[in-house]
N, C-alpha and C. Protein backbone atom coordinates (compact mmCIF):
# COMPACT_ATOMS: atom_id res chain seq x y z
N MET A 1 73.21 53.50 10.34
CA MET A 1 72.56 52.44 8.96
C MET A 1 72.21 51.93 8.44
N LYS A 2 70.76 51.85 8.97
CA LYS A 2 70.84 50.22 8.84
C LYS A 2 69.50 50.50 6.92
N LYS A 3 69.73 49.07 6.08
CA LYS A 3 68.90 49.09 5.09
C LYS A 3 67.39 48.96 5.35
N ALA A 4 66.72 50.01 4.60
CA ALA A 4 65.10 49.59 4.56
C ALA A 4 64.94 48.08 4.33
N ALA A 5 63.53 47.68 3.52
CA ALA A 5 63.81 46.44 3.00
C ALA A 5 63.40 46.33 1.98
N LYS A 6 63.88 45.70 1.24
CA LYS A 6 64.85 45.87 -0.33
C LYS A 6 63.30 45.84 -1.13
N THR A 7 63.42 46.70 -1.40
CA THR A 7 61.56 46.82 -2.62
C THR A 7 61.87 45.93 -3.89
N THR A 8 60.70 44.49 -3.99
CA THR A 8 60.76 43.74 -5.09
C THR A 8 59.78 43.93 -5.66
N GLY A 9 59.65 43.12 -7.12
CA GLY A 9 58.34 44.08 -7.37
C GLY A 9 58.84 44.19 -9.17
N SER A 10 58.23 44.72 -9.79
CA SER A 10 58.22 44.95 -11.24
C SER A 10 58.44 46.95 -10.89
N SER A 11 59.50 47.31 -11.49
CA SER A 11 59.01 48.96 -11.95
C SER A 11 57.88 49.75 -11.97
N SER A 12 57.19 50.51 -11.92
CA SER A 12 56.52 51.75 -11.99
C SER A 12 57.24 52.40 -13.14
N ARG A 13 57.81 52.55 -13.56
CA ARG A 13 58.66 54.00 -14.36
C ARG A 13 57.79 53.09 -15.72
N ASN A 14 57.55 51.94 -16.26
CA ASN A 14 56.40 51.21 -17.42
C ASN A 14 55.20 51.20 -17.08
N ASN A 15 55.15 50.44 -15.54
CA ASN A 15 52.90 50.51 -15.64
C ASN A 15 52.95 51.53 -14.46
N GLY A 16 53.20 52.94 -14.63
CA GLY A 16 52.67 53.92 -14.05
C GLY A 16 52.14 54.32 -12.48
N SER A 17 52.40 52.81 -11.94
CA SER A 17 51.53 52.27 -11.08
C SER A 17 51.28 54.27 -10.08
N VAL A 18 52.62 54.76 -9.80
CA VAL A 18 53.10 55.73 -9.57
C VAL A 18 52.89 56.66 -10.19
N SER A 19 52.29 58.19 -9.97
CA SER A 19 52.30 58.91 -10.91
C SER A 19 52.75 60.09 -10.44
N VAL A 20 52.97 60.81 -10.91
CA VAL A 20 53.39 62.47 -10.56
C VAL A 20 52.50 63.09 -9.92
N MET A 21 50.85 62.75 -10.80
CA MET A 21 49.88 63.70 -9.97
C MET A 21 49.65 63.04 -8.50
N GLU A 22 49.92 61.72 -8.41
CA GLU A 22 49.43 61.66 -7.03
C GLU A 22 50.55 62.72 -6.05
N PHE A 23 51.43 62.80 -6.18
CA PHE A 23 52.39 63.89 -5.23
C PHE A 23 51.97 65.11 -6.06
N LYS A 24 51.72 65.88 -4.25
CA LYS A 24 51.04 67.26 -4.96
C LYS A 24 52.60 68.46 -4.41
N ASP A 25 51.97 69.01 -4.63
CA ASP A 25 53.50 70.12 -3.97
C ASP A 25 53.59 70.71 -3.20
N LEU A 26 54.17 70.37 -2.29
CA LEU A 26 54.29 71.12 -1.24
C LEU A 26 54.22 72.50 -1.07
N MET A 27 54.78 72.79 -1.71
CA MET A 27 54.44 74.71 -1.46
C MET A 27 52.78 75.04 -1.99
N GLU A 28 51.80 73.73 -2.69
CA GLU A 28 50.97 74.45 -3.23
C GLU A 28 49.84 73.99 -3.00
N THR A 29 50.45 72.84 -1.31
CA THR A 29 48.82 72.47 -0.45
C THR A 29 49.09 73.47 0.20
N ASN A 30 47.12 72.95 0.45
CA ASN A 30 46.88 73.93 2.16
C ASN A 30 47.52 72.83 3.16
N SER A 31 47.23 74.07 4.37
CA SER A 31 48.53 73.55 5.15
C SER A 31 47.40 73.27 6.40
N ALA A 32 45.77 73.00 5.83
CA ALA A 32 45.43 72.39 6.84
C ALA A 32 44.39 71.64 6.05
N SER A 33 44.54 71.13 5.06
CA SER A 33 44.02 70.65 3.78
C SER A 33 43.47 69.37 4.38
N ARG A 34 42.42 68.44 3.63
CA ARG A 34 41.96 67.13 4.53
C ARG A 34 42.21 66.76 4.44
N GLU A 35 43.28 65.94 3.24
CA GLU A 35 44.15 64.84 3.57
C GLU A 35 45.19 64.54 4.57
N LEU A 36 45.94 65.92 4.89
CA LEU A 36 46.61 66.22 5.65
C LEU A 36 46.09 65.47 6.99
N ARG A 37 44.51 66.51 7.81
CA ARG A 37 43.69 66.35 7.91
C ARG A 37 43.01 64.53 8.41
N ASP A 38 42.89 64.58 7.01
CA ASP A 38 42.91 63.00 7.52
C ASP A 38 43.26 61.77 7.64
N LYS A 39 44.92 62.27 6.81
CA LYS A 39 45.75 60.55 7.49
C LYS A 39 46.76 60.78 7.97
N ARG A 40 46.99 62.73 8.21
CA ARG A 40 47.95 62.62 10.17
C ARG A 40 49.52 61.99 10.08
N ARG A 41 50.10 61.73 8.42
CA ARG A 41 50.83 61.19 7.93
C ARG A 41 51.51 61.30 7.13
N ILE A 42 52.42 62.15 6.91
CA ILE A 42 53.05 63.05 5.57
C ILE A 42 54.73 62.06 4.37
N LEU A 43 54.32 62.02 4.15
CA LEU A 43 55.54 61.08 3.10
C LEU A 43 56.02 62.25 2.37
N LEU A 44 57.36 62.93 2.65
CA LEU A 44 57.82 64.64 2.13
C LEU A 44 58.86 63.77 1.38
N ILE A 45 58.93 64.10 -0.26
CA ILE A 45 60.15 63.17 -1.59
C ILE A 45 60.93 64.71 -1.64
N GLY A 46 62.01 64.33 -2.46
CA GLY A 46 62.39 64.88 -3.51
C GLY A 46 62.09 65.06 -4.82
N SER A 47 61.79 65.90 -5.30
CA SER A 47 60.66 65.81 -6.01
C SER A 47 61.23 64.65 -8.09
N CYS A 48 62.50 65.07 -7.35
CA CYS A 48 62.73 63.94 -8.88
C CYS A 48 62.47 62.29 -8.73
N LEU A 49 61.98 62.54 -7.54
CA LEU A 49 61.88 61.15 -7.25
C LEU A 49 60.76 60.56 -7.40
N THR A 50 60.16 61.14 -8.37
CA THR A 50 59.03 60.54 -9.34
C THR A 50 58.95 59.77 -10.45
N TYR A 51 60.49 60.43 -10.97
CA TYR A 51 60.18 59.72 -11.57
C TYR A 51 61.50 58.86 -12.18
N GLU A 52 62.96 59.04 -11.00
CA GLU A 52 63.25 59.11 -10.91
C GLU A 52 63.54 57.22 -10.35
N HIS A 53 62.56 57.06 -9.09
CA HIS A 53 62.71 55.85 -8.67
C HIS A 53 61.10 55.80 -7.99
N PRO A 54 60.82 55.40 -8.95
CA PRO A 54 59.20 55.60 -8.59
C PRO A 54 58.98 54.17 -8.28
N GLU A 55 59.38 52.92 -8.04
CA GLU A 55 59.43 51.92 -7.65
C GLU A 55 60.02 51.92 -5.41
N ILE A 56 60.43 52.73 -5.87
CA ILE A 56 61.09 52.51 -4.02
C ILE A 56 59.67 53.62 -3.36
N LEU A 57 59.34 54.53 -3.86
CA LEU A 57 58.32 54.97 -3.02
C LEU A 57 56.85 53.74 -3.18
N GLU A 58 55.71 52.73 -4.22
CA GLU A 58 55.64 52.58 -3.81
C GLU A 58 55.18 51.40 -2.49
N LYS A 59 56.61 51.82 -1.69
CA LYS A 59 56.73 50.91 0.28
C LYS A 59 56.15 52.31 0.32
N TYR A 60 56.47 53.19 0.44
CA TYR A 60 56.29 54.19 1.56
C TYR A 60 54.53 55.33 1.16
N VAL A 61 54.20 54.94 0.27
CA VAL A 61 53.30 55.59 0.06
C VAL A 61 51.48 55.50 0.74
N GLU A 62 51.20 54.07 0.93
CA GLU A 62 49.79 53.77 1.23
C GLU A 62 49.76 54.78 2.34
N GLY A 63 48.61 55.30 2.40
CA GLY A 63 48.22 55.57 4.46
C GLY A 63 48.32 57.33 4.18
N ARG A 64 49.72 58.12 3.63
CA ARG A 64 51.02 59.00 4.01
C ARG A 64 49.52 60.18 3.18
N ALA A 65 49.61 61.39 2.83
CA ALA A 65 49.99 62.11 2.64
C ALA A 65 50.87 62.05 2.04
N THR A 66 51.05 62.91 0.47
CA THR A 66 52.23 61.95 -0.38
C THR A 66 52.67 63.63 -1.41
N LEU A 67 53.68 64.77 -0.51
CA LEU A 67 53.85 65.46 -0.76
C LEU A 67 55.54 65.86 -1.49
N LYS A 68 55.61 66.54 -2.56
CA LYS A 68 57.41 67.02 -3.34
C LYS A 68 57.37 68.18 -2.80
N VAL A 69 58.83 68.00 -3.31
CA VAL A 69 59.49 70.04 -2.97
C VAL A 69 60.51 69.39 -3.76
N CYS A 70 60.93 69.97 -4.33
CA CYS A 70 62.20 70.61 -5.16
C CYS A 70 63.78 71.45 -4.90
N LEU A 71 64.21 71.20 -3.19
CA LEU A 71 65.25 72.36 -2.93
C LEU A 71 66.32 72.75 -4.20
N GLU A 72 66.06 73.21 -5.54
CA GLU A 72 66.58 73.23 -6.49
C GLU A 72 66.26 74.62 -6.78
N ARG A 73 64.48 74.48 -6.32
CA ARG A 73 63.91 75.24 -6.48
C ARG A 73 63.33 75.89 -5.98
N GLU A 74 62.85 76.07 -4.33
CA GLU A 74 62.08 76.41 -2.95
C GLU A 74 63.27 76.61 -2.95
N HIS A 75 63.25 77.52 -2.09
CA HIS A 75 64.52 78.55 -0.79
C HIS A 75 63.98 77.64 0.49
N PHE A 76 64.95 76.70 1.34
CA PHE A 76 65.20 76.58 1.88
C PHE A 76 63.36 77.14 3.70
N ASN A 77 63.81 78.26 4.02
CA ASN A 77 63.00 78.93 4.59
C ASN A 77 61.64 78.47 4.01
N MET A 78 61.51 79.35 2.73
CA MET A 78 59.97 79.24 2.25
C MET A 78 59.27 77.61 2.25
N THR A 79 60.22 77.00 3.10
CA THR A 79 60.24 75.37 2.85
C THR A 79 59.64 74.43 3.94
N CYS A 80 60.29 76.02 4.67
CA CYS A 80 60.48 75.38 5.76
C CYS A 80 58.65 75.86 7.07
N LEU A 81 59.01 76.69 6.31
CA LEU A 81 58.04 77.58 6.44
C LEU A 81 56.28 76.93 6.67
N LYS A 82 56.78 75.77 5.26
CA LYS A 82 55.62 75.58 4.61
C LYS A 82 55.62 74.82 5.95
N LEU A 83 56.64 73.57 6.46
CA LEU A 83 56.42 73.23 6.84
C LEU A 83 55.33 72.87 8.73
N ALA A 84 56.55 73.36 8.70
CA ALA A 84 56.29 74.24 10.42
C ALA A 84 54.64 74.86 9.81
N SER A 85 54.12 75.50 9.35
CA SER A 85 52.55 76.04 9.28
C SER A 85 51.58 74.53 9.13
N ILE A 86 52.16 73.75 8.36
CA ILE A 86 51.22 71.90 8.47
C ILE A 86 50.84 71.62 9.75
N ILE A 87 52.57 71.85 10.49
CA ILE A 87 52.74 70.96 11.52
C ILE A 87 51.77 72.00 12.98
N ALA A 88 51.70 73.46 12.56
CA ALA A 88 50.96 73.86 13.82
C ALA A 88 49.33 73.95 13.66
N ARG A 89 48.85 73.51 12.60
CA ARG A 89 47.37 72.97 11.94
C ARG A 89 47.00 72.27 12.03
N VAL A 90 48.04 71.79 11.81
CA VAL A 90 47.21 69.74 11.97
C VAL A 90 48.37 69.21 13.39
N PRO A 91 47.48 68.24 14.05
CA PRO A 91 48.56 66.57 14.75
C PRO A 91 48.76 65.44 13.59
N ILE A 92 49.74 66.10 12.94
CA ILE A 92 50.81 65.27 12.37
C ILE A 92 51.22 64.02 13.65
N GLU A 93 51.03 62.23 13.06
CA GLU A 93 51.77 61.50 13.39
C GLU A 93 53.48 61.17 13.37
N GLU A 94 53.34 61.06 12.18
CA GLU A 94 54.75 60.92 11.27
C GLU A 94 55.26 61.31 10.03
N ILE A 95 56.01 61.61 10.06
CA ILE A 95 56.68 62.26 9.15
C ILE A 95 58.00 61.64 8.13
N VAL A 96 57.90 61.28 7.04
CA VAL A 96 59.01 60.12 6.34
C VAL A 96 59.66 61.12 5.26
N ILE A 97 60.79 61.82 5.92
CA ILE A 97 61.50 62.63 4.18
C ILE A 97 62.15 61.68 3.87
N LEU A 98 61.72 60.94 2.44
CA LEU A 98 62.63 60.48 1.59
C LEU A 98 63.22 61.25 0.32
N THR A 99 64.59 60.93 -0.32
CA THR A 99 64.96 61.62 -0.59
C THR A 99 66.45 61.28 -1.46
N VAL A 100 67.25 61.33 -2.25
CA VAL A 100 68.28 60.68 -2.89
C VAL A 100 69.92 60.70 -2.06
N ASP A 101 70.36 60.41 -1.50
CA ASP A 101 71.93 60.36 -1.13
C ASP A 101 72.64 60.82 -1.99
N GLY A 102 73.36 61.66 -0.91
CA GLY A 102 74.02 62.67 -1.81
C GLY A 102 74.02 64.52 -2.02
N SER A 103 72.58 64.56 -2.45
CA SER A 103 72.11 66.10 -2.96
C SER A 103 72.65 67.22 -2.27
N PRO A 104 73.38 67.73 -2.79
CA PRO A 104 73.16 69.30 -1.88
C PRO A 104 71.64 69.69 -1.15
N HIS A 105 71.32 69.29 -2.34
CA HIS A 105 69.43 69.83 -2.03
C HIS A 105 69.05 69.02 -1.36
N CYS A 106 68.91 68.06 -1.89
CA CYS A 106 67.56 67.19 -0.91
C CYS A 106 67.81 66.86 0.54
N ILE A 107 69.43 67.05 0.69
CA ILE A 107 69.42 66.98 2.41
C ILE A 107 69.00 67.61 2.52
N GLN A 108 69.01 68.86 2.67
CA GLN A 108 68.09 69.84 3.08
C GLN A 108 67.17 69.67 3.74
N LEU A 109 66.51 69.09 3.40
CA LEU A 109 64.39 68.80 4.04
C LEU A 109 65.12 67.52 5.42
N HIS A 110 66.12 66.66 4.95
CA HIS A 110 66.27 66.31 6.20
C HIS A 110 66.83 67.22 7.67
N PHE A 111 67.20 68.51 7.03
CA PHE A 111 67.35 68.27 7.99
C PHE A 111 66.81 69.81 8.93
N MET A 112 65.48 70.18 7.69
CA MET A 112 64.73 71.18 7.89
C MET A 112 63.41 70.75 9.04
N ILE A 113 64.33 69.33 9.73
CA ILE A 113 63.02 68.93 10.47
C ILE A 113 62.83 69.63 12.27
N ASP A 114 64.46 68.97 12.30
CA ASP A 114 64.83 70.13 13.30
C ASP A 114 64.63 71.79 13.47
N GLU A 115 64.69 72.26 12.28
CA GLU A 115 64.20 73.56 12.65
C GLU A 115 62.50 73.47 12.54
N VAL A 116 62.32 72.65 11.87
CA VAL A 116 60.37 72.51 11.59
C VAL A 116 60.47 72.73 13.76
N GLU A 117 60.85 71.15 14.12
CA GLU A 117 60.80 71.15 15.50
C GLU A 117 60.88 72.12 17.18
N LYS A 118 61.63 73.65 16.30
CA LYS A 118 62.80 74.74 16.90
C LYS A 118 61.82 75.47 17.04
N ILE A 119 60.62 75.43 15.42
CA ILE A 119 59.91 77.12 15.30
C ILE A 119 58.26 76.36 16.12
N THR A 120 57.96 75.23 15.79
CA THR A 120 56.64 74.63 16.11
C THR A 120 56.56 74.34 18.45
N GLY A 121 57.69 73.79 18.41
CA GLY A 121 58.38 74.01 19.95
C GLY A 121 57.57 71.99 20.34
N LYS A 122 57.15 71.09 18.87
CA LYS A 122 56.99 69.96 18.92
C LYS A 122 57.77 69.43 18.70
N LYS A 123 57.68 68.11 19.27
CA LYS A 123 58.94 66.80 18.95
C LYS A 123 57.76 65.48 18.24
N LEU A 124 58.29 65.98 16.44
CA LEU A 124 57.75 64.65 15.88
C LEU A 124 58.47 63.27 15.55
N ASN A 125 57.69 62.81 14.73
CA ASN A 125 57.93 61.51 14.64
C ASN A 125 58.54 61.14 13.93
N VAL A 126 59.74 61.02 12.88
CA VAL A 126 59.71 61.51 11.80
C VAL A 126 61.44 60.59 11.32
N LYS A 127 60.95 59.63 10.33
CA LYS A 127 62.32 58.54 9.63
C LYS A 127 62.21 59.38 8.66
N HIS A 128 63.97 59.22 8.20
CA HIS A 128 64.98 59.85 8.02
C HIS A 128 65.31 58.41 6.44
N ILE A 129 64.83 58.74 5.08
CA ILE A 129 65.28 56.95 4.15
C ILE A 129 66.13 58.41 3.44
N VAL A 130 67.05 57.65 3.01
CA VAL A 130 67.65 58.05 1.45
C VAL A 130 67.68 56.83 0.89
N ILE A 131 67.98 56.99 -0.72
CA ILE A 131 68.45 56.38 -1.75
C ILE A 131 69.97 56.39 -2.66
N TYR A 132 69.91 54.92 -2.31
CA TYR A 132 71.67 55.15 -2.05
C TYR A 132 71.61 54.13 -3.48
N LYS A 133 72.75 53.93 -4.27
CA LYS A 133 72.30 53.01 -5.87
C LYS A 133 71.30 51.62 -5.76
N GLY A 134 70.51 52.52 -5.82
CA GLY A 134 69.15 52.41 -5.93
C GLY A 134 67.97 51.83 -5.31
N GLU A 135 68.20 51.38 -3.10
CA GLU A 135 68.76 51.24 -1.94
C GLU A 135 67.97 51.94 -1.38
N ASP A 136 66.46 51.76 -0.52
CA ASP A 136 66.09 52.45 0.69
C ASP A 136 66.97 52.49 1.78
N VAL A 137 67.26 53.48 2.57
CA VAL A 137 68.46 53.69 3.58
C VAL A 137 68.78 54.37 4.55
N GLU A 138 67.28 53.20 5.50
CA GLU A 138 67.31 54.77 6.75
C GLU A 138 68.02 55.12 7.71
N ILE A 139 67.86 56.69 7.70
CA ILE A 139 68.98 56.84 8.26
C ILE A 139 68.62 57.68 9.92
N ASP A 140 69.67 57.11 11.14
CA ASP A 140 68.87 57.16 12.08
C ASP A 140 68.97 59.23 12.39
N ARG A 141 68.26 59.63 13.46
CA ARG A 141 68.36 61.79 13.70
C ARG A 141 68.83 61.91 13.99
N LYS A 142 69.92 61.07 15.18
CA LYS A 142 71.59 61.17 15.60
C LYS A 142 72.28 62.18 14.28
N THR A 143 72.16 60.91 13.11
CA THR A 143 73.33 61.26 12.11
C THR A 143 72.48 62.25 10.67
N VAL A 144 71.72 62.32 11.39
CA VAL A 144 70.82 63.53 10.30
C VAL A 144 71.07 64.66 11.20
N LYS A 145 71.63 65.04 12.45
CA LYS A 145 71.93 65.80 13.03
C LYS A 145 72.86 66.60 13.06
N LYS A 146 74.25 65.43 13.25
CA LYS A 146 75.26 65.22 13.15
C LYS A 146 75.64 66.01 11.50
N ALA A 147 75.16 65.40 11.04
CA ALA A 147 75.68 65.90 9.16
C ALA A 147 75.81 67.69 9.16
N ARG A 148 74.65 68.15 9.83
CA ARG A 148 73.23 69.40 10.34
C ARG A 148 75.04 70.45 10.75
N TYR A 149 76.01 69.84 11.61
CA TYR A 149 76.31 70.12 12.68
C TYR A 149 78.18 69.70 12.21
N LEU A 150 79.05 70.15 10.78
CA LEU A 150 79.95 69.14 11.05
C LEU A 150 80.81 69.49 12.07
N SER A 151 81.26 70.09 12.44
CA SER A 151 81.92 70.99 13.58
C SER A 151 81.99 69.44 15.02
N LYS A 152 80.84 68.56 14.94
CA LYS A 152 81.00 66.81 15.71
C LYS A 152 81.09 66.02 15.07
N PHE A 153 82.02 66.08 13.79
CA PHE A 153 82.56 65.53 13.11
C PHE A 153 84.23 65.42 13.59
N SER A 154 84.21 66.89 14.02
CA SER A 154 85.69 67.05 14.43
C SER A 154 86.47 66.51 14.86
N GLY A 155 87.71 65.19 14.55
CA GLY A 155 88.51 63.86 15.01
C GLY A 155 87.67 62.46 14.96
N ASP A 156 86.92 63.30 14.80
CA ASP A 156 85.60 60.95 13.61
C ASP A 156 86.67 60.53 13.16
N LEU A 157 87.26 61.16 11.68
CA LEU A 157 87.45 60.85 10.74
C LEU A 157 89.05 61.11 10.19
N ASP A 158 89.42 59.83 10.36
CA ASP A 158 91.39 59.80 10.23
C ASP A 158 91.29 59.92 9.17
N ASP A 159 92.83 60.34 8.82
CA ASP A 159 93.03 60.67 7.29
C ASP A 159 92.72 58.77 5.78
N ASP A 160 92.98 58.50 6.76
CA ASP A 160 92.69 56.46 5.83
C ASP A 160 91.07 57.06 5.58
N THR A 161 90.94 57.68 6.05
CA THR A 161 89.01 57.05 6.47
C THR A 161 88.14 57.69 4.45
N SER A 162 87.85 56.53 3.74
CA SER A 162 87.05 57.12 2.58
C SER A 162 85.61 56.82 3.01
N ILE A 163 85.15 57.82 2.07
CA ILE A 163 83.36 58.29 1.86
C ILE A 163 83.05 57.33 0.39
N GLN A 164 83.04 56.33 0.29
CA GLN A 164 82.41 55.20 -1.29
C GLN A 164 81.35 56.66 -1.11
N CYS A 165 81.41 56.89 -2.52
CA CYS A 165 80.86 57.08 -3.97
C CYS A 165 79.47 57.38 -4.90
């Protein structure tokens, strides 16, 4: 687990430089929209980040189609099919998944990439980033995959291990 470069500068909570309007709802975005075709890079976030951590979003928005989704509201299957539909139609060069850490809903966005690759048969260039205690932390793909398959943890953790949340 490595920390992404620390966000500096003032928070946009007050100056509004990252607005909710800049992030399109994934489920309402055309799978081959002009923005996706032009940018070919996606920033996909948990919807709450637009008001919970706008200052961190500033680091990732430039040059990317900005999409948001809330998996408390949308079902994993619908969201996964939507993302697979985009990948099938547009040659996406990079996807950054950015969520809060510890959310049982947001973690599904990270798991979804593996499923999209299975559906489309394409290997995607993906960065997994979570926000933990106000800082953005990049998570490697292997860790995300392992988190999806709990049996892979068998024997990895002893009784004395505590995970600080």
